[in-house]
Amino acid sequence: MRKYRLTYFTLIITTILVGLLSRHINGIPLFIGDILWGLMVYFIVRFLFINQSIKWVSIISLLFCYAIEFSQLYQAPWINNIRHTVIGGLILGETFVWGDLLCYTAGIGIGILVNVLPDKH
């Protein structure tokens, strides 16, 4: 179990670094960061709930990502102040975009593949 947690921790850190880097390289579309964000959420949920099924982890990850995106429809001053910080903006985002839901779903799908493909060999 410890080995798997270390693997997911490494995947989380790597995904965060690649995501942050993607925002600073010209030519990389912004939606790549959203895909990586969904992937990171999947890895975090997998890390925290290592014994749960892939289906359970996937559903929780999707619900979390979608909840964050839909929370962007709420525009109270207090939460907007948080969103305007670097960390708050990275975690909560700033504006609701339907396409982000698709990106998060794609990122979680990649996470599922990371889990399923090694079992096929």
PDB file of N, CA and C in Angstrom:
ATOM      1  N   MET A   1       0.819  -1.195   0.000  1.00  0.00           N
ATOM      2  CA  MET A   1       0.000   0.000   0.000  1.00  0.00           C
ATOM      3  C   MET A   1       0.867   1.264   0.000  1.00  0.00           C
ATOM      4  N   ARG A   2       1.931   1.235   0.785  1.00  0.00           N
ATOM      5  CA  ARG A   2       2.804   2.406   0.885  1.00  0.00           C
ATOM      6  C   ARG A   2       3.447   2.726  -0.466  1.00  0.00           C
ATOM      7  N   LYS A   3       3.809   1.674  -1.205  1.00  0.00           N
ATOM      8  CA  LYS A   3       4.408   1.842  -2.524  1.00  0.00           C
ATOM      9  C   LYS A   3       3.434   2.554  -3.459  1.00  0.00           C
ATOM     10  N   TYR A   4       2.147   2.150  -3.408  1.00  0.00           N
ATOM     11  CA  TYR A   4       1.144   2.773  -4.265  1.00  0.00           C
ATOM     12  C   TYR A   4       0.918   4.231  -3.887  1.00  0.00           C
ATOM     13  N   ARG A   5       0.899   4.518  -2.596  1.00  0.00           N
ATOM     14  CA  ARG A   5       0.727   5.911  -2.164  1.00  0.00           C
ATOM     15  C   ARG A   5       1.889   6.775  -2.645  1.00  0.00           C
ATOM     16  N   LEU A   6       3.095   6.243  -2.568  1.00  0.00           N
ATOM     17  CA  LEU A   6       4.261   6.987  -3.055  1.00  0.00           C
ATOM     18  C   LEU A   6       4.148   7.231  -4.557  1.00  0.00           C
ATOM     19  N   THR A   7       3.669   6.253  -5.287  1.00  0.00           N
ATOM     20  CA  THR A   7       3.464   6.402  -6.729  1.00  0.00           C
ATOM     21  C   THR A   7       2.459   7.506  -7.008  1.00  0.00           C
ATOM     22  N   TYR A   8       1.329   7.502  -6.314  1.00  0.00           N
ATOM     23  CA  TYR A   8       0.318   8.532  -6.533  1.00  0.00           C
ATOM     24  C   TYR A   8       0.803   9.902  -6.072  1.00  0.00           C
ATOM     25  N   PHE A   9       1.551   9.947  -4.996  1.00  0.00           N
ATOM     26  CA  PHE A   9       2.116  11.224  -4.552  1.00  0.00           C
ATOM     27  C   PHE A   9       3.037  11.793  -5.632  1.00  0.00           C
ATOM     28  N   THR A  10       3.858  10.938  -6.203  1.00  0.00           N
ATOM     29  CA  THR A  10       4.756  11.367  -7.283  1.00  0.00           C
ATOM     30  C   THR A  10       3.959  11.843  -8.493  1.00  0.00           C
ATOM     31  N   LEU A  11       2.900  11.126  -8.834  1.00  0.00           N
ATOM     32  CA  LEU A  11       2.048  11.528  -9.955  1.00  0.00           C
ATOM     33  C   LEU A  11       1.361  12.871  -9.690  1.00  0.00           C
ATOM     34  N   ILE A  12       0.935  13.089  -8.447  1.00  0.00           N
ATOM     35  CA  ILE A  12       0.307  14.363  -8.079  1.00  0.00           C
ATOM     36  C   ILE A  12       1.294  15.510  -8.282  1.00  0.00           C
ATOM     37  N   ILE A  13       2.486  15.381  -7.714  1.00  0.00           N
ATOM     38  CA  ILE A  13       3.498  16.442  -7.817  1.00  0.00           C
ATOM     39  C   ILE A  13       3.882  16.681  -9.273  1.00  0.00           C
ATOM     40  N   THR A  14       4.079  15.615 -10.021  1.00  0.00           N
ATOM     41  CA  THR A  14       4.445  15.739 -11.439  1.00  0.00           C
ATOM     42  C   THR A  14       3.342  16.446 -12.218  1.00  0.00           C
ATOM     43  N   THR A  15       2.102  16.072 -11.979  1.00  0.00           N
ATOM     44  CA  THR A  15       0.978  16.695 -12.683  1.00  0.00           C
ATOM     45  C   THR A  15       0.870  18.176 -12.341  1.00  0.00           C
ATOM     46  N   ILE A  16       1.068  18.523 -11.086  1.00  0.00           N
ATOM     47  CA  ILE A  16       1.037  19.933 -10.684  1.00  0.00           C
ATOM     48  C   ILE A  16       2.134  20.713 -11.400  1.00  0.00           C
ATOM     49  N   LEU A  17       3.340  20.169 -11.404  1.00  0.00           N
ATOM     50  CA  LEU A  17       4.459  20.865 -12.050  1.00  0.00           C
ATOM     51  C   LEU A  17       4.236  21.029 -13.551  1.00  0.00           C
ATOM     52  N   VAL A  18       3.771  19.973 -14.208  1.00  0.00           N
ATOM     53  CA  VAL A  18       3.502  20.053 -15.649  1.00  0.00           C
ATOM     54  C   VAL A  18       2.370  21.050 -15.915  1.00  0.00           C
ATOM     55  N   GLY A  19       1.349  21.040 -15.064  1.00  0.00           N
ATOM     56  CA  GLY A  19       0.238  21.987 -15.212  1.00  0.00           C
ATOM     57  C   GLY A  19       0.675  23.423 -15.065  1.00  0.00           C
ATOM     58  N   LEU A  20       1.478  23.699 -14.053  1.00  0.00           N
ATOM     59  CA  LEU A  20       1.982  25.064 -13.858  1.00  0.00           C
ATOM     60  C   LEU A  20       2.890  25.475 -15.009  1.00  0.00           C
ATOM     61  N   LEU A  21       3.726  24.567 -15.435  1.00  0.00           N
ATOM     62  CA  LEU A  21       4.630  24.838 -16.551  1.00  0.00           C
ATOM     63  C   LEU A  21       3.850  25.102 -17.840  1.00  0.00           C
ATOM     64  N   SER A  22       2.753  24.385 -18.030  1.00  0.00           N
ATOM     65  CA  SER A  22       1.966  24.539 -19.257  1.00  0.00           C
ATOM     66  C   SER A  22       1.388  25.944 -19.397  1.00  0.00           C
ATOM     67  N   ARG A  23       1.200  26.630 -18.288  1.00  0.00           N
ATOM     68  CA  ARG A  23       0.657  27.997 -18.317  1.00  0.00           C
ATOM     69  C   ARG A  23       1.707  29.025 -18.736  1.00  0.00           C
ATOM     70  N   HIS A  24       2.968  28.611 -18.775  1.00  0.00           N
ATOM     71  CA  HIS A  24       4.054  29.548 -19.076  1.00  0.00           C
ATOM     72  C   HIS A  24       4.758  29.253 -20.388  1.00  0.00           C
ATOM     73  N   ILE A  25       4.260  28.283 -21.130  1.00  0.00           N
ATOM     74  CA  ILE A  25       4.869  27.952 -22.420  1.00  0.00           C
ATOM     75  C   ILE A  25       3.911  28.367 -23.526  1.00  0.00           C
ATOM     76  N   ASN A  26       4.379  29.269 -24.373  1.00  0.00           N
ATOM     77  CA  ASN A  26       3.550  29.720 -25.489  1.00  0.00           C
ATOM     78  C   ASN A  26       3.254  28.554 -26.416  1.00  0.00           C
ATOM     79  N   GLY A  27       2.047  28.528 -26.933  1.00  0.00           N
ATOM     80  CA  GLY A  27       1.666  27.491 -27.869  1.00  0.00           C
ATOM     81  C   GLY A  27       0.916  26.338 -27.238  1.00  0.00           C
ATOM     82  N   ILE A  28       0.956  26.206 -25.912  1.00  0.00           N
ATOM     83  CA  ILE A  28       0.188  25.154 -25.241  1.00  0.00           C
ATOM     84  C   ILE A  28      -1.193  25.725 -24.929  1.00  0.00           C
ATOM     85  N   PRO A  29      -2.234  25.135 -25.491  1.00  0.00           N
ATOM     86  CA  PRO A  29      -3.590  25.659 -25.254  1.00  0.00           C
ATOM     87  C   PRO A  29      -3.951  25.630 -23.764  1.00  0.00           C
ATOM     88  N   LEU A  30      -4.735  26.617 -23.332  1.00  0.00           N
ATOM     89  CA  LEU A  30      -5.116  26.703 -21.922  1.00  0.00           C
ATOM     90  C   LEU A  30      -5.902  25.485 -21.444  1.00  0.00           C
ATOM     91  N   PHE A  31      -6.638  24.834 -22.355  1.00  0.00           N
ATOM     92  CA  PHE A  31      -7.449  23.702 -21.917  1.00  0.00           C
ATOM     93  C   PHE A  31      -6.587  22.529 -21.436  1.00  0.00           C
ATOM     94  N   ILE A  32      -5.325  22.480 -21.822  1.00  0.00           N
ATOM     95  CA  ILE A  32      -4.428  21.417 -21.340  1.00  0.00           C
ATOM     96  C   ILE A  32      -4.300  21.498 -19.822  1.00  0.00           C
ATOM     97  N   GLY A  33      -4.223  22.721 -19.297  1.00  0.00           N
ATOM     98  CA  GLY A  33      -4.162  22.904 -17.844  1.00  0.00           C
ATOM     99  C   GLY A  33      -5.402  22.374 -17.149  1.00  0.00           C
ATOM    100  N   ASP A  34      -6.563  22.532 -17.784  1.00  0.00           N
ATOM    101  CA  ASP A  34      -7.808  22.020 -17.200  1.00  0.00           C
ATOM    102  C   ASP A  34      -7.846  20.493 -17.220  1.00  0.00           C
ATOM    103  N   ILE A  35      -7.327  19.905 -18.285  1.00  0.00           N
ATOM    104  CA  ILE A  35      -7.235  18.440 -18.339  1.00  0.00           C
ATOM    105  C   ILE A  35      -6.304  17.948 -17.225  1.00  0.00           C
ATOM    106  N   LEU A  36      -5.174  18.624 -17.073  1.00  0.00           N
ATOM    107  CA  LEU A  36      -4.219  18.239 -16.027  1.00  0.00           C
ATOM    108  C   LEU A  36      -4.807  18.440 -14.633  1.00  0.00           C
ATOM    109  N   TRP A  37      -5.643  19.454 -14.461  1.00  0.00           N
ATOM    110  CA  TRP A  37      -6.278  19.697 -13.164  1.00  0.00           C
ATOM    111  C   TRP A  37      -7.198  18.521 -12.818  1.00  0.00           C
ATOM    112  N   GLY A  38      -7.996  18.069 -13.793  1.00  0.00           N
ATOM    113  CA  GLY A  38      -8.854  16.898 -13.564  1.00  0.00           C
ATOM    114  C   GLY A  38      -8.037  15.660 -13.240  1.00  0.00           C
ATOM    115  N   LEU A  39      -6.925  15.487 -13.957  1.00  0.00           N
ATOM    116  CA  LEU A  39      -6.036  14.359 -13.704  1.00  0.00           C
ATOM    117  C   LEU A  39      -5.456  14.431 -12.298  1.00  0.00           C
ATOM    118  N   MET A  40      -5.039  15.611 -11.887  1.00  0.00           N
ATOM    119  CA  MET A  40      -4.488  15.796 -10.548  1.00  0.00           C
ATOM    120  C   MET A  40      -5.524  15.459  -9.476  1.00  0.00           C
ATOM    121  N   VAL A  41      -6.756  15.918  -9.668  1.00  0.00           N
ATOM    122  CA  VAL A  41      -7.818  15.615  -8.701  1.00  0.00           C
ATOM    123  C   VAL A  41      -8.008  14.101  -8.600  1.00  0.00           C
ATOM    124  N   TYR A  42      -8.013  13.426  -9.739  1.00  0.00           N
ATOM    125  CA  TYR A  42      -8.142  11.963  -9.735  1.00  0.00           C
ATOM    126  C   TYR A  42      -7.014  11.332  -8.908  1.00  0.00           C
ATOM    127  N   PHE A  43      -5.780  11.763  -9.152  1.00  0.00           N
ATOM    128  CA  PHE A  43      -4.645  11.198  -8.421  1.00  0.00           C
ATOM    129  C   PHE A  43      -4.741  11.494  -6.922  1.00  0.00           C
ATOM    130  N   ILE A  44      -5.219  12.675  -6.557  1.00  0.00           N
ATOM    131  CA  ILE A  44      -5.361  13.016  -5.136  1.00  0.00           C
ATOM    132  C   ILE A  44      -6.415  12.121  -4.479  1.00  0.00           C
ATOM    133  N   VAL A  45      -7.552  11.965  -5.148  1.00  0.00           N
ATOM    134  CA  VAL A  45      -8.609  11.111  -4.586  1.00  0.00           C
ATOM    135  C   VAL A  45      -8.113   9.669  -4.486  1.00  0.00           C
ATOM    136  N   ARG A  46      -7.395   9.225  -5.503  1.00  0.00           N
ATOM    137  CA  ARG A  46      -6.834   7.856  -5.483  1.00  0.00           C
ATOM    138  C   ARG A  46      -5.835   7.712  -4.334  1.00  0.00           C
ATOM    139  N   PHE A  47      -5.001   8.725  -4.124  1.00  0.00           N
ATOM    140  CA  PHE A  47      -4.021   8.720  -3.030  1.00  0.00           C
ATOM    141  C   PHE A  47      -4.722   8.624  -1.675  1.00  0.00           C
ATOM    142  N   LEU A  48      -5.782   9.420  -1.508  1.00  0.00           N
ATOM    143  CA  LEU A  48      -6.479   9.462  -0.222  1.00  0.00           C
ATOM    144  C   LEU A  48      -7.315   8.214   0.038  1.00  0.00           C
ATOM    145  N   PHE A  49      -7.863   7.639  -1.016  1.00  0.00           N
ATOM    146  CA  PHE A  49      -8.764   6.491  -0.886  1.00  0.00           C
ATOM    147  C   PHE A  49      -8.226   5.324  -1.719  1.00  0.00           C
ATOM    148  N   ILE A  50      -7.047   4.896  -1.381  1.00  0.00           N
ATOM    149  CA  ILE A  50      -6.288   3.909  -2.149  1.00  0.00           C
ATOM    150  C   ILE A  50      -7.020   2.574  -2.283  1.00  0.00           C
ATOM    151  N   ASN A  51      -7.874   2.234  -1.313  1.00  0.00           N
ATOM    152  CA  ASN A  51      -8.559   0.937  -1.330  1.00  0.00           C
ATOM    153  C   ASN A  51      -9.907   0.967  -2.044  1.00  0.00           C
ATOM    154  N   GLN A  52     -10.350   2.132  -2.451  1.00  0.00           N
ATOM    155  CA  GLN A  52     -11.635   2.240  -3.146  1.00  0.00           C
ATOM    156  C   GLN A  52     -11.495   1.809  -4.604  1.00  0.00           C
ATOM    157  N   SER A  53     -12.613   1.462  -5.202  1.00  0.00           N
ATOM    158  CA  SER A  53     -12.610   1.032  -6.600  1.00  0.00           C
ATOM    159  C   SER A  53     -12.321   2.216  -7.526  1.00  0.00           C
ATOM    160  N   ILE A  54     -11.877   1.889  -8.724  1.00  0.00           N
ATOM    161  CA  ILE A  54     -11.621   2.934  -9.725  1.00  0.00           C
ATOM    162  C   ILE A  54     -12.921   3.676 -10.025  1.00  0.00           C
ATOM    163  N   LYS A  55     -14.024   2.951 -10.090  1.00  0.00           N
ATOM    164  CA  LYS A  55     -15.323   3.590 -10.346  1.00  0.00           C
ATOM    165  C   LYS A  55     -15.650   4.610  -9.263  1.00  0.00           C
ATOM    166  N   TRP A  56     -15.474   4.247  -8.009  1.00  0.00           N
ATOM    167  CA  TRP A  56     -15.764   5.144  -6.886  1.00  0.00           C
ATOM    168  C   TRP A  56     -14.875   6.374  -6.954  1.00  0.00           C
ATOM    169  N   VAL A  57     -13.570   6.159  -7.158  1.00  0.00           N
ATOM    170  CA  VAL A  57     -12.616   7.274  -7.246  1.00  0.00           C
ATOM    171  C   VAL A  57     -12.985   8.195  -8.406  1.00  0.00           C
ATOM    172  N   SER A  58     -13.384   7.621  -9.521  1.00  0.00           N
ATOM    173  CA  SER A  58     -13.758   8.405 -10.699  1.00  0.00           C
ATOM    174  C   SER A  58     -14.979   9.278 -10.424  1.00  0.00           C
ATOM    175  N   ILE A  59     -15.989   8.692  -9.807  1.00  0.00           N
ATOM    176  CA  ILE A  59     -17.218   9.438  -9.515  1.00  0.00           C
ATOM    177  C   ILE A  59     -16.935  10.571  -8.539  1.00  0.00           C
ATOM    178  N   ILE A  60     -16.203  10.298  -7.474  1.00  0.00           N
ATOM    179  CA  ILE A  60     -15.878  11.343  -6.493  1.00  0.00           C
ATOM    180  C   ILE A  60     -15.055  12.449  -7.155  1.00  0.00           C
ATOM    181  N   SER A  61     -14.108  12.065  -7.995  1.00  0.00           N
ATOM    182  CA  SER A  61     -13.277  13.060  -8.696  1.00  0.00           C
ATOM    183  C   SER A  61     -14.128  13.941  -9.602  1.00  0.00           C
ATOM    184  N   LEU A  62     -15.027  13.322 -10.360  1.00  0.00           N
ATOM    185  CA  LEU A  62     -15.917  14.097 -11.236  1.00  0.00           C
ATOM    186  C   LEU A  62     -16.810  15.032 -10.435  1.00  0.00           C
ATOM    187  N   LEU A  63     -17.394  14.521  -9.363  1.00  0.00           N
ATOM    188  CA  LEU A  63     -18.260  15.355  -8.529  1.00  0.00           C
ATOM    189  C   LEU A  63     -17.492  16.551  -7.960  1.00  0.00           C
ATOM    190  N   PHE A  64     -16.270  16.308  -7.504  1.00  0.00           N
ATOM    191  CA  PHE A  64     -15.462  17.395  -6.953  1.00  0.00           C
ATOM    192  C   PHE A  64     -15.153  18.438  -8.028  1.00  0.00           C
ATOM    193  N   CYS A  65     -14.673  17.983  -9.182  1.00  0.00           N
ATOM    194  CA  CYS A  65     -14.323  18.909 -10.268  1.00  0.00           C
ATOM    195  C   CYS A  65     -15.538  19.707 -10.725  1.00  0.00           C
ATOM    196  N   TYR A  66     -16.659  19.022 -10.896  1.00  0.00           N
ATOM    197  CA  TYR A  66     -17.871  19.706 -11.349  1.00  0.00           C
ATOM    198  C   TYR A  66     -18.359  20.696 -10.293  1.00  0.00           C
ATOM    199  N   ALA A  67     -18.269  20.310  -9.015  1.00  0.00           N
ATOM    200  CA  ALA A  67     -18.695  21.218  -7.944  1.00  0.00           C
ATOM    201  C   ALA A  67     -17.853  22.493  -7.942  1.00  0.00           C
ATOM    202  N   ILE A  68     -16.547  22.351  -8.120  1.00  0.00           N
ATOM    203  CA  ILE A  68     -15.676  23.531  -8.180  1.00  0.00           C
ATOM    204  C   ILE A  68     -16.068  24.409  -9.356  1.00  0.00           C
ATOM    205  N   GLU A  69     -16.300  23.787 -10.511  1.00  0.00           N
ATOM    206  CA  GLU A  69     -16.661  24.573 -11.704  1.00  0.00           C
ATOM    207  C   GLU A  69     -17.995  25.288 -11.507  1.00  0.00           C
ATOM    208  N   PHE A  70     -18.996  24.577 -11.010  1.00  0.00           N
ATOM    209  CA  PHE A  70     -20.294  25.212 -10.803  1.00  0.00           C
ATOM    210  C   PHE A  70     -20.248  26.260  -9.692  1.00  0.00           C
ATOM    211  N   SER A  71     -19.312  26.122  -8.755  1.00  0.00           N
ATOM    212  CA  SER A  71     -19.178  27.143  -7.695  1.00  0.00           C
ATOM    213  C   SER A  71     -18.760  28.487  -8.276  1.00  0.00           C
ATOM    214  N   GLN A  72     -18.201  28.465  -9.480  1.00  0.00           N
ATOM    215  CA  GLN A  72     -17.772  29.707 -10.112  1.00  0.00           C
ATOM    216  C   GLN A  72     -18.955  30.568 -10.563  1.00  0.00           C
ATOM    217  N   LEU A  73     -20.140  29.989 -10.564  1.00  0.00           N
ATOM    218  CA  LEU A  73     -21.345  30.775 -10.854  1.00  0.00           C
ATOM    219  C   LEU A  73     -21.703  31.677  -9.681  1.00  0.00           C
ATOM    220  N   TYR A  74     -21.213  31.333  -8.494  1.00  0.00           N
ATOM    221  CA  TYR A  74     -21.430  32.138  -7.290  1.00  0.00           C
ATOM    222  C   TYR A  74     -20.343  33.206  -7.238  1.00  0.00           C
ATOM    223  N   GLN A  75     -20.733  34.464  -7.279  1.00  0.00           N
ATOM    224  CA  GLN A  75     -19.765  35.554  -7.404  1.00  0.00           C
ATOM    225  C   GLN A  75     -19.849  36.558  -6.246  1.00  0.00           C
ATOM    226  N   ALA A  76     -19.857  36.075  -5.023  1.00  0.00           N
ATOM    227  CA  ALA A  76     -19.865  36.968  -3.857  1.00  0.00           C
ATOM    228  C   ALA A  76     -18.479  37.588  -3.683  1.00  0.00           C
ATOM    229  N   PRO A  77     -18.422  38.802  -3.135  1.00  0.00           N
ATOM    230  CA  PRO A  77     -17.120  39.473  -2.969  1.00  0.00           C
ATOM    231  C   PRO A  77     -16.104  38.664  -2.162  1.00  0.00           C
ATOM    232  N   TRP A  78     -16.538  37.990  -1.115  1.00  0.00           N
ATOM    233  CA  TRP A  78     -15.588  37.268  -0.258  1.00  0.00           C
ATOM    234  C   TRP A  78     -14.894  36.139  -1.006  1.00  0.00           C
ATOM    235  N   ILE A  79     -15.666  35.398  -1.841  1.00  0.00           N
ATOM    236  CA  ILE A  79     -15.042  34.281  -2.557  1.00  0.00           C
ATOM    237  C   ILE A  79     -14.258  34.790  -3.771  1.00  0.00           C
ATOM    238  N   ASN A  80     -14.705  35.891  -4.346  1.00  0.00           N
ATOM    239  CA  ASN A  80     -13.941  36.479  -5.448  1.00  0.00           C
ATOM    240  C   ASN A  80     -12.590  36.983  -4.970  1.00  0.00           C
ATOM    241  N   ASN A  81     -12.526  37.487  -3.729  1.00  0.00           N
ATOM    242  CA  ASN A  81     -11.234  37.902  -3.166  1.00  0.00           C
ATOM    243  C   ASN A  81     -10.285  36.707  -3.054  1.00  0.00           C
ATOM    244  N   ILE A  82     -10.820  35.560  -2.685  1.00  0.00           N
ATOM    245  CA  ILE A  82     -10.006  34.337  -2.619  1.00  0.00           C
ATOM    246  C   ILE A  82      -9.575  33.920  -4.021  1.00  0.00           C
ATOM    247  N   ARG A  83     -10.509  33.990  -4.967  1.00  0.00           N
ATOM    248  CA  ARG A  83     -10.203  33.599  -6.352  1.00  0.00           C
ATOM    249  C   ARG A  83      -9.135  34.482  -6.986  1.00  0.00           C
ATOM    250  N   HIS A  84      -9.008  35.694  -6.510  1.00  0.00           N
ATOM    251  CA  HIS A  84      -8.026  36.619  -7.095  1.00  0.00           C
ATOM    252  C   HIS A  84      -6.624  36.444  -6.516  1.00  0.00           C
ATOM    253  N   THR A  85      -6.461  35.494  -5.592  1.00  0.00           N
ATOM    254  CA  THR A  85      -5.116  35.137  -5.136  1.00  0.00           C
ATOM    255  C   THR A  85      -4.595  34.037  -6.058  1.00  0.00           C
ATOM    256  N   VAL A  86      -3.295  33.829  -6.059  1.00  0.00           N
ATOM    257  CA  VAL A  86      -2.718  32.808  -6.943  1.00  0.00           C
ATOM    258  C   VAL A  86      -3.269  31.430  -6.607  1.00  0.00           C
ATOM    259  N   ILE A  87      -3.184  31.035  -5.353  1.00  0.00           N
ATOM    260  CA  ILE A  87      -3.659  29.706  -4.942  1.00  0.00           C
ATOM    261  C   ILE A  87      -5.172  29.594  -5.120  1.00  0.00           C
ATOM    262  N   GLY A  88      -5.899  30.609  -4.723  1.00  0.00           N
ATOM    263  CA  GLY A  88      -7.355  30.593  -4.867  1.00  0.00           C
ATOM    264  C   GLY A  88      -7.780  30.474  -6.317  1.00  0.00           C
ATOM    265  N   GLY A  89      -7.087  31.176  -7.190  1.00  0.00           N
ATOM    266  CA  GLY A  89      -7.396  31.095  -8.615  1.00  0.00           C
ATOM    267  C   GLY A  89      -7.094  29.729  -9.191  1.00  0.00           C
ATOM    268  N   LEU A  90      -5.989  29.121  -8.757  1.00  0.00           N
ATOM    269  CA  LEU A  90      -5.622  27.796  -9.250  1.00  0.00           C
ATOM    270  C   LEU A  90      -6.601  26.720  -8.780  1.00  0.00           C
ATOM    271  N   ILE A  91      -7.067  26.846  -7.550  1.00  0.00           N
ATOM    272  CA  ILE A  91      -7.958  25.833  -6.985  1.00  0.00           C
ATOM    273  C   ILE A  91      -9.417  26.070  -7.376  1.00  0.00           C
ATOM    274  N   LEU A  92      -9.880  27.305  -7.232  1.00  0.00           N
ATOM    275  CA  LEU A  92     -11.294  27.603  -7.437  1.00  0.00           C
ATOM    276  C   LEU A  92     -11.639  28.092  -8.841  1.00  0.00           C
ATOM    277  N   GLY A  93     -10.632  28.523  -9.594  1.00  0.00           N
ATOM    278  CA  GLY A  93     -10.915  29.107 -10.898  1.00  0.00           C
ATOM    279  C   GLY A  93     -11.617  30.438 -10.734  1.00  0.00           C
ATOM    280  N   GLU A  94     -11.980  31.061 -11.850  1.00  0.00           N
ATOM    281  CA  GLU A  94     -12.629  32.368 -11.742  1.00  0.00           C
ATOM    282  C   GLU A  94     -13.949  32.460 -12.478  1.00  0.00           C
ATOM    283  N   THR A  95     -14.039  31.862 -13.656  1.00  0.00           N
ATOM    284  CA  THR A  95     -15.274  31.972 -14.432  1.00  0.00           C
ATOM    285  C   THR A  95     -15.737  30.586 -14.879  1.00  0.00           C
ATOM    286  N   PHE A  96     -17.037  30.404 -14.870  1.00  0.00           N
ATOM    287  CA  PHE A  96     -17.638  29.145 -15.288  1.00  0.00           C
ATOM    288  C   PHE A  96     -17.517  29.001 -16.805  1.00  0.00           C
ATOM    289  N   VAL A  97     -17.040  27.842 -17.243  1.00  0.00           N
ATOM    290  CA  VAL A  97     -16.937  27.529 -18.673  1.00  0.00           C
ATOM    291  C   VAL A  97     -17.398  26.078 -18.856  1.00  0.00           C
ATOM    292  N   TRP A  98     -18.412  25.881 -19.704  1.00  0.00           N
ATOM    293  CA  TRP A  98     -18.932  24.533 -19.937  1.00  0.00           C
ATOM    294  C   TRP A  98     -17.840  23.593 -20.421  1.00  0.00           C
ATOM    295  N   GLY A  99     -16.952  24.080 -21.276  1.00  0.00           N
ATOM    296  CA  GLY A  99     -15.897  23.241 -21.833  1.00  0.00           C
ATOM    297  C   GLY A  99     -14.951  22.686 -20.787  1.00  0.00           C
ATOM    298  N   ASP A 100     -14.818  23.386 -19.651  1.00  0.00           N
ATOM    299  CA  ASP A 100     -13.955  22.894 -18.581  1.00  0.00           C
ATOM    300  C   ASP A 100     -14.447  21.554 -18.042  1.00  0.00           C
ATOM    301  N   LEU A 101     -15.763  21.355 -18.026  1.00  0.00           N
ATOM    302  CA  LEU A 101     -16.316  20.085 -17.547  1.00  0.00           C
ATOM    303  C   LEU A 101     -15.831  18.939 -18.424  1.00  0.00           C
ATOM    304  N   LEU A 102     -15.778  19.181 -19.715  1.00  0.00           N
ATOM    305  CA  LEU A 102     -15.269  18.168 -20.643  1.00  0.00           C
ATOM    306  C   LEU A 102     -13.784  17.909 -20.398  1.00  0.00           C
ATOM    307  N   CYS A 103     -13.026  18.978 -20.149  1.00  0.00           N
ATOM    308  CA  CYS A 103     -11.587  18.829 -19.882  1.00  0.00           C
ATOM    309  C   CYS A 103     -11.347  18.031 -18.604  1.00  0.00           C
ATOM    310  N   TYR A 104     -12.106  18.320 -17.552  1.00  0.00           N
ATOM    311  CA  TYR A 104     -11.946  17.577 -16.305  1.00  0.00           C
ATOM    312  C   TYR A 104     -12.276  16.098 -16.521  1.00  0.00           C
ATOM    313  N   THR A 105     -13.335  15.845 -17.298  1.00  0.00           N
ATOM    314  CA  THR A 105     -13.719  14.470 -17.598  1.00  0.00           C
ATOM    315  C   THR A 105     -12.601  13.761 -18.356  1.00  0.00           C
ATOM    316  N   ALA A 106     -11.985  14.453 -19.316  1.00  0.00           N
ATOM    317  CA  ALA A 106     -10.871  13.866 -20.069  1.00  0.00           C
ATOM    318  C   ALA A 106      -9.689  13.567 -19.142  1.00  0.00           C
ATOM    319  N   GLY A 107      -9.374  14.502 -18.240  1.00  0.00           N
ATOM    320  CA  GLY A 107      -8.271  14.282 -17.304  1.00  0.00           C
ATOM    321  C   GLY A 107      -8.512  13.093 -16.399  1.00  0.00           C
ATOM    322  N   ILE A 108      -9.741  12.962 -15.920  1.00  0.00           N
ATOM    323  CA  ILE A 108     -10.080  11.818 -15.069  1.00  0.00           C
ATOM    324  C   ILE A 108     -10.032  10.538 -15.892  1.00  0.00           C
ATOM    325  N   GLY A 109     -10.441  10.621 -17.141  1.00  0.00           N
ATOM    326  CA  GLY A 109     -10.340   9.466 -18.035  1.00  0.00           C
ATOM    327  C   GLY A 109      -8.899   9.012 -18.211  1.00  0.00           C
ATOM    328  N   ILE A 110      -7.989   9.959 -18.318  1.00  0.00           N
ATOM    329  CA  ILE A 110      -6.559   9.621 -18.404  1.00  0.00           C
ATOM    330  C   ILE A 110      -6.110   8.939 -17.114  1.00  0.00           C
ATOM    331  N   GLY A 111      -6.588   9.445 -15.975  1.00  0.00           N
ATOM    332  CA  GLY A 111      -6.263   8.812 -14.695  1.00  0.00           C
ATOM    333  C   GLY A 111      -6.753   7.382 -14.626  1.00  0.00           C
ATOM    334  N   ILE A 112      -7.944   7.142 -15.143  1.00  0.00           N
ATOM    335  CA  ILE A 112      -8.483   5.778 -15.179  1.00  0.00           C
ATOM    336  C   ILE A 112      -7.574   4.892 -16.025  1.00  0.00           C
ATOM    337  N   LEU A 113      -7.146   5.404 -17.173  1.00  0.00           N
ATOM    338  CA  LEU A 113      -6.245   4.636 -18.042  1.00  0.00           C
ATOM    339  C   LEU A 113      -4.932   4.314 -17.334  1.00  0.00           C
ATOM    340  N   VAL A 114      -4.420   5.265 -16.576  1.00  0.00           N
ATOM    341  CA  VAL A 114      -3.186   5.027 -15.815  1.00  0.00           C
ATOM    342  C   VAL A 114      -3.384   3.853 -14.861  1.00  0.00           C
ATOM    343  N   ASN A 115      -4.587   3.737 -14.285  1.00  0.00           N
ATOM    344  CA  ASN A 115      -4.887   2.628 -13.375  1.00  0.00           C
ATOM    345  C   ASN A 115      -5.130   1.320 -14.094  1.00  0.00           C
ATOM    346  N   VAL A 116      -5.820   1.359 -15.216  1.00  0.00           N
ATOM    347  CA  VAL A 116      -6.287   0.147 -15.887  1.00  0.00           C
ATOM    348  C   VAL A 116      -5.209  -0.463 -16.780  1.00  0.00           C
ATOM    349  N   LEU A 117      -4.446   0.328 -17.503  1.00  0.00           N
ATOM    350  CA  LEU A 117      -3.495  -0.203 -18.475  1.00  0.00           C
ATOM    351  C   LEU A 117      -2.426  -1.120 -17.877  1.00  0.00           C
ATOM    352  N   PRO A 118      -1.841  -0.786 -16.704  1.00  0.00           N
ATOM    353  CA  PRO A 118      -0.839  -1.707 -16.165  1.00  0.00           C
ATOM    354  C   PRO A 118      -1.419  -3.092 -15.852  1.00  0.00           C
ATOM    355  N   ASP A 119      -2.704  -3.162 -15.550  1.00  0.00           N
ATOM    356  CA  ASP A 119      -3.342  -4.450 -15.240  1.00  0.00           C
ATOM    357  C   ASP A 119      -3.497  -5.319 -16.488  1.00  0.00           C
ATOM    358  N   LYS A 120      -3.441  -4.730 -17.657  1.00  0.00           N
ATOM    359  CA  LYS A 120      -3.627  -5.465 -18.908  1.00  0.00           C
ATOM    360  C   LYS A 120      -2.348  -6.175 -19.363  1.00  0.00           C
ATOM    361  N   HIS A 121      -1.217  -5.842 -18.765  1.00  0.00           N
ATOM    362  CA  HIS A 121       0.059  -6.442 -19.188  1.00  0.00           C
ATOM    363  C   HIS A 121       0.484  -7.551 -18.274  1.00  0.00           C
TER     364      HIS A 121
END
